[in-house]
Amino acid sequence: MRLAVRVTPRGGRDAVDGWSRDEAGRPVLKVRVSAAAAEGAANAAVVALLAKALGRPKSQVRIVRGDTARVKQVEIDGLDEAEAARAFGHPPAA
């Protein structure tokens, strides 16, 4: 499953802040990480945070698009909608 994730680096703590919508109205999962967006530290923190929230190994979570962007596409092996909803809540309805 792929998720759109909006990342706030240097957010003071590592946390999933829930769902919102981007400028085009698509659902995005908001996360914040304490790591800076330098040398891939924030991306590594995002992968670790999502893996921990889902109870999965980090090897099953990867950023497939947007390495240097605030909004990233994250692919999580074997994740279904029900499991995502349990971990992150339901995305906003259209």
PDB file of N, CA and C in Angstrom:
ATOM      1  N   MET A   1       0.837  -1.168   0.000  1.00  0.00           N
ATOM      2  CA  MET A   1       0.000   0.000   0.000  1.00  0.00           C
ATOM      3  C   MET A   1       0.886   1.237   0.000  1.00  0.00           C
ATOM      4  N   ARG A   2       0.452   2.258  -0.707  1.00  0.00           N
ATOM      5  CA  ARG A   2       1.173   3.534  -0.731  1.00  0.00           C
ATOM      6  C   ARG A   2       0.369   4.596  -0.005  1.00  0.00           C
ATOM      7  N   LEU A   3       1.090   5.409   0.747  1.00  0.00           N
ATOM      8  CA  LEU A   3       0.496   6.521   1.466  1.00  0.00           C
ATOM      9  C   LEU A   3       1.210   7.806   1.094  1.00  0.00           C
ATOM     10  N   ALA A   4       0.459   8.896   0.973  1.00  0.00           N
ATOM     11  CA  ALA A   4       1.062  10.219   0.851  1.00  0.00           C
ATOM     12  C   ALA A   4       1.301  10.711   2.269  1.00  0.00           C
ATOM     13  N   VAL A   5       2.528  11.150   2.539  1.00  0.00           N
ATOM     14  CA  VAL A   5       2.916  11.573   3.881  1.00  0.00           C
ATOM     15  C   VAL A   5       3.511  12.974   3.797  1.00  0.00           C
ATOM     16  N   ARG A   6       2.977  13.896   4.610  1.00  0.00           N
ATOM     17  CA  ARG A   6       3.526  15.256   4.687  1.00  0.00           C
ATOM     18  C   ARG A   6       4.397  15.322   5.932  1.00  0.00           C
ATOM     19  N   VAL A   7       5.679  15.617   5.725  1.00  0.00           N
ATOM     20  CA  VAL A   7       6.664  15.547   6.798  1.00  0.00           C
ATOM     21  C   VAL A   7       7.056  16.949   7.268  1.00  0.00           C
ATOM     22  N   THR A   8       7.116  17.113   8.588  1.00  0.00           N
ATOM     23  CA  THR A   8       7.656  18.328   9.189  1.00  0.00           C
ATOM     24  C   THR A   8       8.948  17.946   9.898  1.00  0.00           C
ATOM     25  N   PRO A   9      10.104  18.255   9.272  1.00  0.00           N
ATOM     26  CA  PRO A   9      11.376  17.970   9.949  1.00  0.00           C
ATOM     27  C   PRO A   9      11.599  18.986  11.066  1.00  0.00           C
ATOM     28  N   ARG A  10      12.440  18.628  12.023  1.00  0.00           N
ATOM     29  CA  ARG A  10      12.693  19.465  13.198  1.00  0.00           C
ATOM     30  C   ARG A  10      11.384  19.848  13.879  1.00  0.00           C
ATOM     31  N   GLY A  11      10.485  18.873  13.968  1.00  0.00           N
ATOM     32  CA  GLY A  11       9.164  19.101  14.546  1.00  0.00           C
ATOM     33  C   GLY A  11       9.126  18.985  16.060  1.00  0.00           C
ATOM     34  N   GLY A  12      10.267  18.855  16.701  1.00  0.00           N
ATOM     35  CA  GLY A  12      10.325  18.803  18.158  1.00  0.00           C
ATOM     36  C   GLY A  12      10.191  17.404  18.740  1.00  0.00           C
ATOM     37  N   ARG A  13       9.500  16.525  18.045  1.00  0.00           N
ATOM     38  CA  ARG A  13       9.315  15.153  18.511  1.00  0.00           C
ATOM     39  C   ARG A  13       8.938  14.302  17.312  1.00  0.00           C
ATOM     40  N   ASP A  14       9.005  13.003  17.478  1.00  0.00           N
ATOM     41  CA  ASP A  14       8.575  12.087  16.423  1.00  0.00           C
ATOM     42  C   ASP A  14       7.139  11.676  16.719  1.00  0.00           C
ATOM     43  N   ALA A  15       6.216  12.019  15.806  1.00  0.00           N
ATOM     44  CA  ALA A  15       4.803  11.715  16.055  1.00  0.00           C
ATOM     45  C   ALA A  15       4.017  11.709  14.751  1.00  0.00           C
ATOM     46  N   VAL A  16       2.966  10.907  14.737  1.00  0.00           N
ATOM     47  CA  VAL A  16       1.989  10.926  13.651  1.00  0.00           C
ATOM     48  C   VAL A  16       0.869  11.849  14.104  1.00  0.00           C
ATOM     49  N   ASP A  17       0.600  12.897  13.321  1.00  0.00           N
ATOM     50  CA  ASP A  17      -0.384  13.912  13.714  1.00  0.00           C
ATOM     51  C   ASP A  17      -1.751  13.704  13.079  1.00  0.00           C
ATOM     52  N   GLY A  18      -1.931  12.633  12.328  1.00  0.00           N
ATOM     53  CA  GLY A  18      -3.236  12.353  11.739  1.00  0.00           C
ATOM     54  C   GLY A  18      -3.334  12.776  10.284  1.00  0.00           C
ATOM     55  N   TRP A  19      -4.545  12.747   9.774  1.00  0.00           N
ATOM     56  CA  TRP A  19      -4.790  13.000   8.357  1.00  0.00           C
ATOM     57  C   TRP A  19      -5.217  14.435   8.105  1.00  0.00           C
ATOM     58  N   SER A  20      -4.886  14.930   6.930  1.00  0.00           N
ATOM     59  CA  SER A  20      -5.415  16.199   6.428  1.00  0.00           C
ATOM     60  C   SER A  20      -5.511  16.065   4.916  1.00  0.00           C
ATOM     61  N   ARG A  21      -5.735  17.161   4.241  1.00  0.00           N
ATOM     62  CA  ARG A  21      -5.800  17.164   2.772  1.00  0.00           C
ATOM     63  C   ARG A  21      -4.756  18.110   2.220  1.00  0.00           C
ATOM     64  N   ASP A  22      -4.197  17.754   1.055  1.00  0.00           N
ATOM     65  CA  ASP A  22      -3.245  18.643   0.401  1.00  0.00           C
ATOM     66  C   ASP A  22      -4.002  19.694  -0.413  1.00  0.00           C
ATOM     67  N   GLU A  23      -3.266  20.518  -1.151  1.00  0.00           N
ATOM     68  CA  GLU A  23      -3.873  21.595  -1.933  1.00  0.00           C
ATOM     69  C   GLU A  23      -4.848  21.077  -2.987  1.00  0.00           C
ATOM     70  N   ALA A  24      -4.616  19.857  -3.463  1.00  0.00           N
ATOM     71  CA  ALA A  24      -5.481  19.270  -4.490  1.00  0.00           C
ATOM     72  C   ALA A  24      -6.639  18.477  -3.880  1.00  0.00           C
ATOM     73  N   GLY A  25      -6.732  18.444  -2.551  1.00  0.00           N
ATOM     74  CA  GLY A  25      -7.820  17.742  -1.899  1.00  0.00           C
ATOM     75  C   GLY A  25      -7.567  16.270  -1.623  1.00  0.00           C
ATOM     76  N   ARG A  26      -6.347  15.808  -1.875  1.00  0.00           N
ATOM     77  CA  ARG A  26      -6.008  14.401  -1.622  1.00  0.00           C
ATOM     78  C   ARG A  26      -5.626  14.210  -0.150  1.00  0.00           C
ATOM     79  N   PRO A  27      -5.976  13.064   0.437  1.00  0.00           N
ATOM     80  CA  PRO A  27      -5.601  12.830   1.834  1.00  0.00           C
ATOM     81  C   PRO A  27      -4.098  12.604   1.978  1.00  0.00           C
ATOM     82  N   VAL A  28      -3.529  13.218   3.008  1.00  0.00           N
ATOM     83  CA  VAL A  28      -2.115  13.026   3.344  1.00  0.00           C
ATOM     84  C   VAL A  28      -2.005  12.793   4.847  1.00  0.00           C
ATOM     85  N   LEU A  29      -1.108  11.903   5.217  1.00  0.00           N
ATOM     86  CA  LEU A  29      -0.844  11.621   6.613  1.00  0.00           C
ATOM     87  C   LEU A  29       0.228  12.594   7.089  1.00  0.00           C
ATOM     88  N   LYS A  30      -0.068  13.361   8.135  1.00  0.00           N
ATOM     89  CA  LYS A  30       0.885  14.339   8.651  1.00  0.00           C
ATOM     90  C   LYS A  30       1.748  13.680   9.723  1.00  0.00           C
ATOM     91  N   VAL A  31       3.068  13.807   9.558  1.00  0.00           N
ATOM     92  CA  VAL A  31       4.004  13.314  10.559  1.00  0.00           C
ATOM     93  C   VAL A  31       5.031  14.390  10.852  1.00  0.00           C
ATOM     94  N   ARG A  32       5.570  14.355  12.051  1.00  0.00           N
ATOM     95  CA  ARG A  32       6.669  15.249  12.414  1.00  0.00           C
ATOM     96  C   ARG A  32       7.800  14.413  12.976  1.00  0.00           C
ATOM     97  N   VAL A  33       9.005  14.827  12.679  1.00  0.00           N
ATOM     98  CA  VAL A  33      10.182  14.140  13.207  1.00  0.00           C
ATOM     99  C   VAL A  33      11.134  15.177  13.775  1.00  0.00           C
ATOM    100  N   SER A  34      11.881  14.797  14.781  1.00  0.00           N
ATOM    101  CA  SER A  34      12.812  15.729  15.401  1.00  0.00           C
ATOM    102  C   SER A  34      14.081  15.906  14.573  1.00  0.00           C
ATOM    103  N   ALA A  35      14.363  14.985  13.683  1.00  0.00           N
ATOM    104  CA  ALA A  35      15.578  15.047  12.857  1.00  0.00           C
ATOM    105  C   ALA A  35      15.480  16.172  11.824  1.00  0.00           C
ATOM    106  N   ALA A  36      16.627  16.724  11.491  1.00  0.00           N
ATOM    107  CA  ALA A  36      16.703  17.755  10.457  1.00  0.00           C
ATOM    108  C   ALA A  36      16.659  17.107   9.077  1.00  0.00           C
ATOM    109  N   ALA A  37      16.263  17.894   8.094  1.00  0.00           N
ATOM    110  CA  ALA A  37      16.189  17.404   6.715  1.00  0.00           C
ATOM    111  C   ALA A  37      17.557  17.522   6.060  1.00  0.00           C
ATOM    112  N   ALA A  38      18.544  16.873   6.627  1.00  0.00           N
ATOM    113  CA  ALA A  38      19.897  16.919   6.088  1.00  0.00           C
ATOM    114  C   ALA A  38      20.457  15.507   6.040  1.00  0.00           C
ATOM    115  N   GLU A  39      21.099  15.188   4.930  1.00  0.00           N
ATOM    116  CA  GLU A  39      21.768  13.897   4.754  1.00  0.00           C
ATOM    117  C   GLU A  39      20.835  12.706   4.993  1.00  0.00           C
ATOM    118  N   GLY A  40      19.547  12.867   4.694  1.00  0.00           N
ATOM    119  CA  GLY A  40      18.600  11.770   4.797  1.00  0.00           C
ATOM    120  C   GLY A  40      18.140  11.437   6.203  1.00  0.00           C
ATOM    121  N   ALA A  41      18.515  12.262   7.187  1.00  0.00           N
ATOM    122  CA  ALA A  41      18.152  11.957   8.579  1.00  0.00           C
ATOM    123  C   ALA A  41      16.647  12.001   8.788  1.00  0.00           C
ATOM    124  N   ALA A  42      15.971  12.983   8.235  1.00  0.00           N
ATOM    125  CA  ALA A  42      14.516  13.079   8.402  1.00  0.00           C
ATOM    126  C   ALA A  42      13.818  11.908   7.708  1.00  0.00           C
ATOM    127  N   ASN A  43      14.283  11.542   6.521  1.00  0.00           N
ATOM    128  CA  ASN A  43      13.679  10.403   5.816  1.00  0.00           C
ATOM    129  C   ASN A  43      13.840   9.117   6.617  1.00  0.00           C
ATOM    130  N   ALA A  44      15.013   8.904   7.182  1.00  0.00           N
ATOM    131  CA  ALA A  44      15.243   7.711   8.002  1.00  0.00           C
ATOM    132  C   ALA A  44      14.339   7.726   9.228  1.00  0.00           C
ATOM    133  N   ALA A  45      14.135   8.904   9.813  1.00  0.00           N
ATOM    134  CA  ALA A  45      13.266   9.020  10.983  1.00  0.00           C
ATOM    135  C   ALA A  45      11.814   8.735  10.614  1.00  0.00           C
ATOM    136  N   VAL A  46      11.386   9.169   9.431  1.00  0.00           N
ATOM    137  CA  VAL A  46      10.022   8.902   8.967  1.00  0.00           C
ATOM    138  C   VAL A  46       9.820   7.394   8.802  1.00  0.00           C
ATOM    139  N   VAL A  47      10.754   6.728   8.165  1.00  0.00           N
ATOM    140  CA  VAL A  47      10.657   5.276   7.972  1.00  0.00           C
ATOM    141  C   VAL A  47      10.586   4.575   9.322  1.00  0.00           C
ATOM    142  N   ALA A  48      11.449   4.965  10.259  1.00  0.00           N
ATOM    143  CA  ALA A  48      11.458   4.336  11.581  1.00  0.00           C
ATOM    144  C   ALA A  48      10.152   4.597  12.329  1.00  0.00           C
ATOM    145  N   LEU A  49       9.640   5.813  12.257  1.00  0.00           N
ATOM    146  CA  LEU A  49       8.402   6.167  12.939  1.00  0.00           C
ATOM    147  C   LEU A  49       7.220   5.367  12.400  1.00  0.00           C
ATOM    148  N   LEU A  50       7.077   5.310  11.087  1.00  0.00           N
ATOM    149  CA  LEU A  50       5.957   4.570  10.501  1.00  0.00           C
ATOM    150  C   LEU A  50       6.069   3.080  10.778  1.00  0.00           C
ATOM    151  N   ALA A  51       7.278   2.537  10.700  1.00  0.00           N
ATOM    152  CA  ALA A  51       7.477   1.108  10.994  1.00  0.00           C
ATOM    153  C   ALA A  51       7.089   0.798  12.444  1.00  0.00           C
ATOM    154  N   LYS A  52       7.488   1.657  13.355  1.00  0.00           N
ATOM    155  CA  LYS A  52       7.156   1.443  14.762  1.00  0.00           C
ATOM    156  C   LYS A  52       5.646   1.547  14.988  1.00  0.00           C
ATOM    157  N   ALA A  53       5.001   2.540  14.380  1.00  0.00           N
ATOM    158  CA  ALA A  53       3.560   2.729  14.545  1.00  0.00           C
ATOM    159  C   ALA A  53       2.778   1.529  14.018  1.00  0.00           C
ATOM    160  N   LEU A  54       3.316   0.883  12.992  1.00  0.00           N
ATOM    161  CA  LEU A  54       2.634  -0.263  12.388  1.00  0.00           C
ATOM    162  C   LEU A  54       3.101  -1.604  12.945  1.00  0.00           C
ATOM    163  N   GLY A  55       4.136  -1.597  13.783  1.00  0.00           N
ATOM    164  CA  GLY A  55       4.668  -2.840  14.318  1.00  0.00           C
ATOM    165  C   GLY A  55       5.311  -3.702  13.254  1.00  0.00           C
ATOM    166  N   ARG A  56       5.992  -3.064  12.327  1.00  0.00           N
ATOM    167  CA  ARG A  56       6.641  -3.771  11.209  1.00  0.00           C
ATOM    168  C   ARG A  56       8.132  -3.454  11.206  1.00  0.00           C
ATOM    169  N   PRO A  57       8.918  -4.308  10.576  1.00  0.00           N
ATOM    170  CA  PRO A  57      10.339  -3.977  10.428  1.00  0.00           C
ATOM    171  C   PRO A  57      10.523  -2.810   9.455  1.00  0.00           C
ATOM    172  N   LYS A  58      11.572  -2.043   9.674  1.00  0.00           N
ATOM    173  CA  LYS A  58      11.850  -0.892   8.804  1.00  0.00           C
ATOM    174  C   LYS A  58      12.049  -1.309   7.353  1.00  0.00           C
ATOM    175  N   SER A  59      12.474  -2.538   7.128  1.00  0.00           N
ATOM    176  CA  SER A  59      12.709  -3.002   5.755  1.00  0.00           C
ATOM    177  C   SER A  59      11.419  -3.069   4.937  1.00  0.00           C
ATOM    178  N   GLN A  60      10.261  -3.071   5.591  1.00  0.00           N
ATOM    179  CA  GLN A  60       8.981  -3.114   4.877  1.00  0.00           C
ATOM    180  C   GLN A  60       8.431  -1.728   4.554  1.00  0.00           C
ATOM    181  N   VAL A  61       9.127  -0.686   4.989  1.00  0.00           N
ATOM    182  CA  VAL A  61       8.680   0.696   4.774  1.00  0.00           C
ATOM    183  C   VAL A  61       9.745   1.418   3.964  1.00  0.00           C
ATOM    184  N   ARG A  62       9.336   2.036   2.851  1.00  0.00           N
ATOM    185  CA  ARG A  62      10.324   2.767   2.061  1.00  0.00           C
ATOM    186  C   ARG A  62       9.687   3.973   1.378  1.00  0.00           C
ATOM    187  N   ILE A  63      10.490   4.996   1.212  1.00  0.00           N
ATOM    188  CA  ILE A  63      10.059   6.195   0.505  1.00  0.00           C
ATOM    189  C   ILE A  63      10.322   5.956  -0.975  1.00  0.00           C
ATOM    190  N   VAL A  64       9.263   5.993  -1.779  1.00  0.00           N
ATOM    191  CA  VAL A  64       9.408   5.683  -3.198  1.00  0.00           C
ATOM    192  C   VAL A  64       9.391   6.942  -4.071  1.00  0.00           C
ATOM    193  N   ARG A  65       8.941   8.062  -3.496  1.00  0.00           N
ATOM    194  CA  ARG A  65       8.955   9.318  -4.247  1.00  0.00           C
ATOM    195  C   ARG A  65       8.984  10.470  -3.256  1.00  0.00           C
ATOM    196  N   GLY A  66       9.729  11.519  -3.607  1.00  0.00           N
ATOM    197  CA  GLY A  66       9.755  12.722  -2.794  1.00  0.00           C
ATOM    198  C   GLY A  66      10.846  12.755  -1.746  1.00  0.00           C
ATOM    199  N   ASP A  67      11.997  12.145  -2.039  1.00  0.00           N
ATOM    200  CA  ASP A  67      13.092  12.121  -1.056  1.00  0.00           C
ATOM    201  C   ASP A  67      13.427  13.503  -0.513  1.00  0.00           C
ATOM    202  N   THR A  68      13.389  14.529  -1.373  1.00  0.00           N
ATOM    203  CA  THR A  68      13.757  15.873  -0.935  1.00  0.00           C
ATOM    204  C   THR A  68      12.552  16.788  -0.788  1.00  0.00           C
ATOM    205  N   ALA A  69      11.362  16.248  -0.950  1.00  0.00           N
ATOM    206  CA  ALA A  69      10.144  17.057  -0.847  1.00  0.00           C
ATOM    207  C   ALA A  69       9.499  16.867   0.520  1.00  0.00           C
ATOM    208  N   ARG A  70       8.641  17.786   0.879  1.00  0.00           N
ATOM    209  CA  ARG A  70       7.905  17.680   2.142  1.00  0.00           C
ATOM    210  C   ARG A  70       6.826  16.599   2.064  1.00  0.00           C
ATOM    211  N   VAL A  71       6.194  16.462   0.893  1.00  0.00           N
ATOM    212  CA  VAL A  71       5.185  15.419   0.701  1.00  0.00           C
ATOM    213  C   VAL A  71       5.854  14.249  -0.015  1.00  0.00           C
ATOM    214  N   LYS A  72       5.773  13.081   0.592  1.00  0.00           N
ATOM    215  CA  LYS A  72       6.447  11.893   0.087  1.00  0.00           C
ATOM    216  C   LYS A  72       5.425  10.787  -0.164  1.00  0.00           C
ATOM    217  N   GLN A  73       5.753   9.899  -1.064  1.00  0.00           N
ATOM    218  CA  GLN A  73       4.978   8.673  -1.256  1.00  0.00           C
ATOM    219  C   GLN A  73       5.744   7.570  -0.535  1.00  0.00           C
ATOM    220  N   VAL A  74       5.071   6.928   0.396  1.00  0.00           N
ATOM    221  CA  VAL A  74       5.688   5.867   1.186  1.00  0.00           C
ATOM    222  C   VAL A  74       4.972   4.564   0.867  1.00  0.00           C
ATOM    223  N   GLU A  75       5.753   3.543   0.566  1.00  0.00           N
ATOM    224  CA  GLU A  75       5.194   2.226   0.285  1.00  0.00           C
ATOM    225  C   GLU A  75       5.468   1.312   1.477  1.00  0.00           C
ATOM    226  N   ILE A  76       4.413   0.607   1.910  1.00  0.00           N
ATOM    227  CA  ILE A  76       4.523  -0.284   3.059  1.00  0.00           C
ATOM    228  C   ILE A  76       4.063  -1.670   2.619  1.00  0.00           C
ATOM    229  N   ASP A  77       4.983  -2.613   2.642  1.00  0.00           N
ATOM    230  CA  ASP A  77       4.698  -3.974   2.191  1.00  0.00           C
ATOM    231  C   ASP A  77       3.616  -4.624   3.041  1.00  0.00           C
ATOM    232  N   GLY A  78       2.604  -5.192   2.365  1.00  0.00           N
ATOM    233  CA  GLY A  78       1.587  -5.978   3.030  1.00  0.00           C
ATOM    234  C   GLY A  78       0.564  -5.208   3.841  1.00  0.00           C
ATOM    235  N   LEU A  79       0.612  -3.893   3.827  1.00  0.00           N
ATOM    236  CA  LEU A  79      -0.334  -3.089   4.603  1.00  0.00           C
ATOM    237  C   LEU A  79      -1.676  -3.033   3.883  1.00  0.00           C
ATOM    238  N   ASP A  80      -2.761  -3.254   4.630  1.00  0.00           N
ATOM    239  CA  ASP A  80      -4.090  -3.089   4.043  1.00  0.00           C
ATOM    240  C   ASP A  80      -4.780  -1.890   4.699  1.00  0.00           C
ATOM    241  N   GLU A  81      -5.925  -1.504   4.142  1.00  0.00           N
ATOM    242  CA  GLU A  81      -6.618  -0.304   4.614  1.00  0.00           C
ATOM    243  C   GLU A  81      -7.060  -0.428   6.070  1.00  0.00           C
ATOM    244  N   ALA A  82      -7.495  -1.600   6.479  1.00  0.00           N
ATOM    245  CA  ALA A  82      -7.944  -1.791   7.859  1.00  0.00           C
ATOM    246  C   ALA A  82      -6.798  -1.595   8.848  1.00  0.00           C
ATOM    247  N   GLU A  83      -5.648  -2.143   8.520  1.00  0.00           N
ATOM    248  CA  GLU A  83      -4.490  -1.996   9.407  1.00  0.00           C
ATOM    249  C   GLU A  83      -4.022  -0.545   9.454  1.00  0.00           C
ATOM    250  N   ALA A  84      -4.032   0.136   8.306  1.00  0.00           N
ATOM    251  CA  ALA A  84      -3.665   1.552   8.265  1.00  0.00           C
ATOM    252  C   ALA A  84      -4.633   2.379   9.103  1.00  0.00           C
ATOM    253  N   ALA A  85      -5.912   2.074   9.021  1.00  0.00           N
ATOM    254  CA  ALA A  85      -6.923   2.804   9.795  1.00  0.00           C
ATOM    255  C   ALA A  85      -6.733   2.576  11.294  1.00  0.00           C
ATOM    256  N   ARG A  86      -6.372   1.356  11.703  1.00  0.00           N
ATOM    257  CA  ARG A  86      -6.126   1.084  13.124  1.00  0.00           C
ATOM    258  C   ARG A  86      -4.931   1.894  13.633  1.00  0.00           C
ATOM    259  N   ALA A  87      -3.904   2.007  12.817  1.00  0.00           N
ATOM    260  CA  ALA A  87      -2.686   2.691  13.251  1.00  0.00           C
ATOM    261  C   ALA A  87      -2.802   4.212  13.164  1.00  0.00           C
ATOM    262  N   PHE A  88      -3.459   4.710  12.120  1.00  0.00           N
ATOM    263  CA  PHE A  88      -3.442   6.160  11.837  1.00  0.00           C
ATOM    264  C   PHE A  88      -4.814   6.809  11.825  1.00  0.00           C
ATOM    265  N   GLY A  89      -5.883   6.033  12.000  1.00  0.00           N
ATOM    266  CA  GLY A  89      -7.225   6.577  11.868  1.00  0.00           C
ATOM    267  C   GLY A  89      -7.647   6.543  10.402  1.00  0.00           C
ATOM    268  N   HIS A  90      -8.868   6.922  10.153  1.00  0.00           N
ATOM    269  CA  HIS A  90      -9.386   6.914   8.784  1.00  0.00           C
ATOM    270  C   HIS A  90      -9.046   8.227   8.094  1.00  0.00           C
ATOM    271  N   PRO A  91      -8.646   8.168   6.810  1.00  0.00           N
ATOM    272  CA  PRO A  91      -8.414   9.408   6.081  1.00  0.00           C
ATOM    273  C   PRO A  91      -9.725  10.175   5.931  1.00  0.00           C
ATOM    274  N   PRO A  92      -9.640  11.495   5.741  1.00  0.00           N
ATOM    275  CA  PRO A  92     -10.873  12.274   5.599  1.00  0.00           C
ATOM    276  C   PRO A  92     -11.673  11.841   4.374  1.00  0.00           C
ATOM    277  N   ALA A  93     -12.978  11.856   4.509  1.00  0.00           N
ATOM    278  CA  ALA A  93     -13.854  11.464   3.396  1.00  0.00           C
ATOM    279  C   ALA A  93     -13.801  12.514   2.295  1.00  0.00           C
ATOM    280  N   ALA A  94     -14.051  12.062   1.102  1.00  0.00           N
ATOM    281  CA  ALA A  94     -13.981  12.946  -0.070  1.00  0.00           C
ATOM    282  C   ALA A  94     -15.070  13.977  -0.060  1.00  0.00           C
TER     283      ALA A  94
END
